Amino acid sequence: MPDVTTLPGIIFSVALFATIVTALFARTRALRDGALLLPVLFVSLTATRQLPLFPIAAAPYLASNGVDALRALADAVRVRLPRGSRTGAVPPRAADAVTLAFAALALAAGSLTVDAAPSLGGFPVGALASLRAGPGLLNQYDWGGYLISAAPPTPVFVDGRLTPYLGDVLADYTTVIGVRPAWRDVIERRRIRQILVRPTDPIAVRARDLGWPIRASSDTFVLIDVP
């Protein structure tokens, strides 16, 4: 689920809420048109970095139907809104001004919260020098994208893109990371030579108990050689 304490999570949540309200209250074909956004919603929920896809796709939908939904909602709660014509529509210039103000606010929030350089505090930076080149690494799911960029000679086992890893790959990953039945069989079948995970992951705890060699470690990560 999106983390609503982060800026991408907030923007996604606001866009989703506005889309649902518009689909329910707009007096047009908004409900049917809104259904077209469901595939984009699914893709946005597959990874944190894809959350902005839904707000981008929903923007034209909200622009076309949002004012009508706002009018219907105001009528439902008996609130009088400014009327710009006999049909009761909100004046176009007023709607444009509100949209422009919202866009400027979002742009300003993004500019003020963005970091000049990405924070690497949660990534296994200290393990890079000890990684073996070539396949054979089972990495923590959340670090796949970072390792693709920081350690290209070492292919990752899995990363944040769900589509390329459907099926046995994700099942094998969870089997090893959680030390589930047949986890050793997966290590042998996948020819896993190193494991890069968090110290609290079950496989890290089990590997320490078994005395497997620790190549590098910190409070954030542990890099284990598979005997």
Protein backbone atom coordinates (compact mmCIF):
# COMPACT_ATOMS: atom_id res chain seq x y z
CA MET A 1 0.00 0.00 0.00
CA PRO A 2 1.18 3.57 -0.65
CA ASP A 3 2.94 5.30 2.22
CA VAL A 4 0.83 8.42 2.78
CA THR A 5 3.64 10.00 4.80
CA THR A 6 5.65 10.49 1.59
CA LEU A 7 5.00 13.02 -1.16
CA PRO A 8 4.37 10.38 -3.89
CA GLY A 9 1.98 8.58 -1.53
CA ILE A 10 0.09 11.77 -0.74
CA ILE A 11 -0.28 12.75 -4.40
CA PHE A 12 -1.41 9.24 -5.32
CA SER A 13 -3.95 9.13 -2.49
CA VAL A 14 -5.39 12.55 -3.33
CA ALA A 15 -5.69 11.61 -7.02
CA LEU A 16 -7.36 8.30 -6.18
CA PHE A 17 -9.81 9.93 -3.76
CA ALA A 18 -10.68 12.65 -6.28
CA THR A 19 -11.20 10.05 -9.01
CA ILE A 20 -13.55 7.98 -6.85
CA VAL A 21 -15.58 11.03 -5.84
CA THR A 22 -15.78 12.19 -9.46
CA ALA A 23 -16.89 8.77 -10.68
CA LEU A 24 -19.65 8.67 -8.06
CA PHE A 25 -21.02 12.21 -8.42
CA ALA A 26 -20.42 13.44 -11.97
CA ARG A 27 -23.61 13.54 -14.04
CA THR A 28 -21.94 12.28 -17.18
CA ARG A 29 -20.35 9.02 -18.26
CA ALA A 30 -17.69 9.54 -15.60
CA LEU A 31 -18.22 6.15 -13.97
CA ARG A 32 -17.67 4.29 -17.23
CA ASP A 33 -14.75 6.48 -18.23
CA GLY A 34 -13.22 6.10 -14.77
CA ALA A 35 -13.18 2.33 -15.20
CA LEU A 36 -10.60 2.83 -17.93
CA LEU A 37 -8.19 3.97 -15.22
CA LEU A 38 -8.30 0.63 -13.38
CA PRO A 39 -5.40 -0.96 -15.32
CA VAL A 40 -3.25 2.11 -14.59
CA LEU A 41 -4.22 1.90 -10.93
CA PHE A 42 -3.09 -1.73 -10.80
CA VAL A 43 0.27 -0.91 -12.40
CA SER A 44 0.78 2.04 -10.03
CA LEU A 45 0.30 -0.23 -7.02
CA THR A 46 2.92 -2.75 -8.14
CA ALA A 47 5.87 -0.58 -7.08
CA THR A 48 6.45 2.66 -5.19
CA ARG A 49 8.30 4.25 -8.08
CA GLN A 50 5.23 3.73 -10.29
CA LEU A 51 2.80 5.54 -8.00
CA PRO A 52 2.94 8.77 -10.10
CA LEU A 53 1.52 6.92 -13.12
CA PHE A 54 -2.02 7.02 -11.76
CA PRO A 55 -2.15 10.77 -10.97
CA ILE A 56 -0.76 11.47 -14.46
CA ALA A 57 -3.38 9.29 -16.14
CA ALA A 58 -6.18 10.64 -13.93
CA ALA A 59 -5.43 14.32 -14.65
CA PRO A 60 -7.39 14.54 -17.98
CA TYR A 61 -10.28 12.57 -16.44
CA LEU A 62 -10.50 14.91 -13.45
CA ALA A 63 -10.18 17.97 -15.68
CA SER A 64 -13.13 16.81 -17.80
CA ASN A 65 -15.44 15.63 -15.05
CA GLY A 66 -14.24 17.16 -11.80
CA VAL A 67 -16.24 20.39 -11.97
CA ASP A 68 -19.45 18.52 -12.73
CA ALA A 69 -18.80 16.20 -9.79
CA LEU A 70 -18.10 19.17 -7.53
CA ARG A 71 -21.40 20.76 -8.52
CA ALA A 72 -23.34 17.54 -7.87
CA LEU A 73 -21.60 17.05 -4.54
CA ALA A 74 -22.36 20.63 -3.51
CA ASP A 75 -26.02 20.17 -4.43
CA ALA A 76 -26.13 16.95 -2.40
CA VAL A 77 -24.93 18.73 0.73
CA ARG A 78 -26.91 21.89 -0.09
CA VAL A 79 -23.92 24.17 -0.55
CA ARG A 80 -24.21 27.08 -2.97
CA LEU A 81 -21.30 27.48 -5.38
CA PRO A 82 -20.65 30.43 -7.72
CA ARG A 83 -22.70 30.12 -10.88
CA GLY A 84 -21.30 31.43 -14.12
CA SER A 85 -24.23 30.70 -16.42
CA ARG A 86 -27.85 29.62 -16.46
CA THR A 87 -26.75 25.99 -16.52
CA GLY A 88 -25.07 26.44 -13.16
CA ALA A 89 -21.56 25.66 -14.36
CA VAL A 90 -18.55 26.98 -12.55
CA PRO A 91 -16.99 29.83 -14.60
CA PRO A 92 -14.23 28.35 -16.81
CA ARG A 93 -11.72 30.97 -15.74
CA ALA A 94 -12.38 30.22 -12.08
CA ALA A 95 -11.90 26.50 -12.68
CA ASP A 96 -8.69 27.18 -14.59
CA ALA A 97 -7.41 29.39 -11.79
CA VAL A 98 -8.07 26.71 -9.17
CA THR A 99 -6.36 24.08 -11.33
CA LEU A 100 -3.37 26.35 -11.94
CA ALA A 101 -3.07 27.11 -8.21
CA PHE A 102 -3.17 23.41 -7.35
CA ALA A 103 -0.51 22.62 -9.98
CA ALA A 104 1.72 25.44 -8.71
CA LEU A 105 1.33 24.17 -5.15
CA ALA A 106 2.27 20.63 -6.17
CA LEU A 107 5.27 21.90 -8.13
CA ALA A 108 6.43 24.05 -5.21
CA ALA A 109 6.04 21.13 -2.77
CA GLY A 110 8.08 18.90 -5.06
CA SER A 111 10.81 21.50 -5.45
CA LEU A 112 11.08 22.08 -1.71
CA THR A 113 11.14 18.41 -0.72
CA VAL A 114 13.43 16.98 -3.38
CA ASP A 115 16.98 16.21 -2.29
CA ALA A 116 19.96 17.47 -4.24
CA ALA A 117 21.38 13.94 -4.12
CA PRO A 118 19.58 10.70 -3.28
CA SER A 119 20.00 9.37 0.23
CA LEU A 120 21.79 6.01 0.25
CA GLY A 121 21.51 5.41 3.98
CA GLY A 122 19.14 2.47 3.56
CA PHE A 123 21.12 0.73 0.84
CA PRO A 124 24.00 -1.79 1.15
CA VAL A 125 26.71 0.59 -0.01
CA GLY A 126 29.34 -1.14 2.10
CA ALA A 127 28.70 -4.49 0.41
CA LEU A 128 29.55 -3.38 -3.11
CA ALA A 129 33.27 -4.09 -2.85
CA SER A 130 32.60 -7.68 -1.72
CA LEU A 131 30.06 -8.63 -4.36
CA ARG A 132 31.12 -11.28 -6.83
CA ALA A 133 30.81 -10.50 -10.50
CA GLY A 134 28.42 -12.59 -12.54
CA PRO A 135 25.18 -14.34 -11.58
CA GLY A 136 24.57 -16.04 -8.26
CA LEU A 137 23.42 -13.23 -5.94
CA LEU A 138 20.16 -13.41 -4.06
CA ASN A 139 19.47 -9.82 -3.05
CA GLN A 140 16.88 -8.20 -0.84
CA TYR A 141 13.88 -7.22 -2.98
CA ASP A 142 14.01 -3.52 -2.05
CA TRP A 143 17.65 -3.19 -3.14
CA GLY A 144 17.33 -4.58 -6.65
CA GLY A 145 17.04 -1.23 -8.41
CA TYR A 146 19.96 0.22 -6.49
CA LEU A 147 22.20 -2.76 -7.27
CA ILE A 148 21.35 -2.59 -10.97
CA SER A 149 22.81 0.91 -10.99
CA ALA A 150 25.60 0.53 -8.43
CA ALA A 151 26.87 -2.97 -9.26
CA PRO A 152 26.14 -3.74 -12.92
CA PRO A 153 28.63 -6.67 -13.12
CA THR A 154 26.46 -8.55 -10.60
CA PRO A 155 22.98 -9.37 -11.95
CA VAL A 156 20.22 -9.10 -9.37
CA PHE A 157 17.89 -11.94 -8.44
CA VAL A 158 14.85 -9.68 -8.20
CA ASP A 159 13.98 -5.97 -8.13
CA GLY A 160 10.97 -3.70 -7.96
CA ARG A 161 9.64 -4.61 -11.41
CA LEU A 162 7.03 -7.28 -10.75
CA THR A 163 6.22 -8.17 -14.34
CA PRO A 164 9.55 -9.84 -15.29
CA TYR A 165 9.50 -11.92 -12.10
CA LEU A 166 6.06 -13.50 -12.10
CA GLY A 167 5.85 -17.17 -11.28
CA ASP A 168 8.61 -19.26 -9.73
CA VAL A 169 11.13 -16.45 -9.31
CA LEU A 170 9.16 -14.62 -6.63
CA ALA A 171 8.15 -17.91 -5.04
CA ASP A 172 11.79 -19.02 -4.89
CA TYR A 173 12.81 -15.65 -3.46
CA THR A 174 10.28 -15.83 -0.63
CA THR A 175 11.22 -19.47 0.02
CA VAL A 176 14.87 -18.60 0.61
CA ILE A 177 14.40 -15.26 2.35
CA GLY A 178 11.88 -16.78 4.77
CA VAL A 179 13.74 -20.11 5.21
CA ARG A 180 10.67 -22.03 4.11
CA PRO A 181 10.67 -25.76 3.35
CA ALA A 182 13.01 -26.70 0.47
CA TRP A 183 14.95 -23.42 0.76
CA ARG A 184 18.23 -25.29 0.36
CA ASP A 185 16.93 -26.92 -2.81
CA VAL A 186 16.19 -23.48 -4.26
CA ILE A 187 19.70 -22.28 -3.43
CA GLU A 188 21.17 -25.27 -5.25
CA ARG A 189 18.82 -25.09 -8.22
CA ARG A 190 19.31 -21.35 -8.66
CA ARG A 191 23.07 -21.66 -8.07
CA ILE A 192 23.01 -18.93 -5.45
CA ARG A 193 26.56 -18.11 -4.32
CA GLN A 194 25.92 -15.02 -2.21
CA ILE A 195 23.00 -13.66 -0.21
CA LEU A 196 22.60 -9.94 0.44
CA VAL A 197 19.77 -9.26 2.87
CA ARG A 198 18.90 -7.38 6.05
CA PRO A 199 20.36 -8.73 9.30
CA THR A 200 16.86 -9.41 10.61
CA ASP A 201 15.74 -11.49 7.62
CA PRO A 202 15.20 -15.16 8.57
CA ILE A 203 17.81 -16.38 6.08
CA ALA A 204 20.43 -14.09 7.65
CA VAL A 205 19.69 -15.43 11.11
CA ARG A 206 19.76 -19.03 9.88
CA ALA A 207 23.01 -18.53 7.97
CA ARG A 208 24.71 -17.16 11.08
CA ASP A 209 23.50 -20.16 13.07
CA LEU A 210 24.94 -22.46 10.41
CA GLY A 211 28.26 -20.63 10.48
CA TRP A 212 28.18 -19.48 6.86
CA PRO A 213 30.94 -16.96 6.00
CA ILE A 214 30.01 -13.29 6.39
CA ARG A 215 31.76 -11.20 3.74
CA ALA A 216 30.47 -7.81 4.90
CA SER A 217 27.88 -6.54 7.35
CA SER A 218 26.45 -3.46 9.04
CA ASP A 219 23.28 -2.43 10.82
CA THR A 220 21.61 -2.24 7.42
CA PHE A 221 22.81 -5.32 5.53
CA VAL A 222 24.68 -8.60 5.72
CA LEU A 223 26.46 -10.23 2.77
CA ILE A 224 26.77 -13.99 3.15
CA ASP A 225 28.78 -16.49 1.11
CA VAL A 226 26.95 -19.73 0.42
CA PRO A 227 29.26 -22.70 1.14
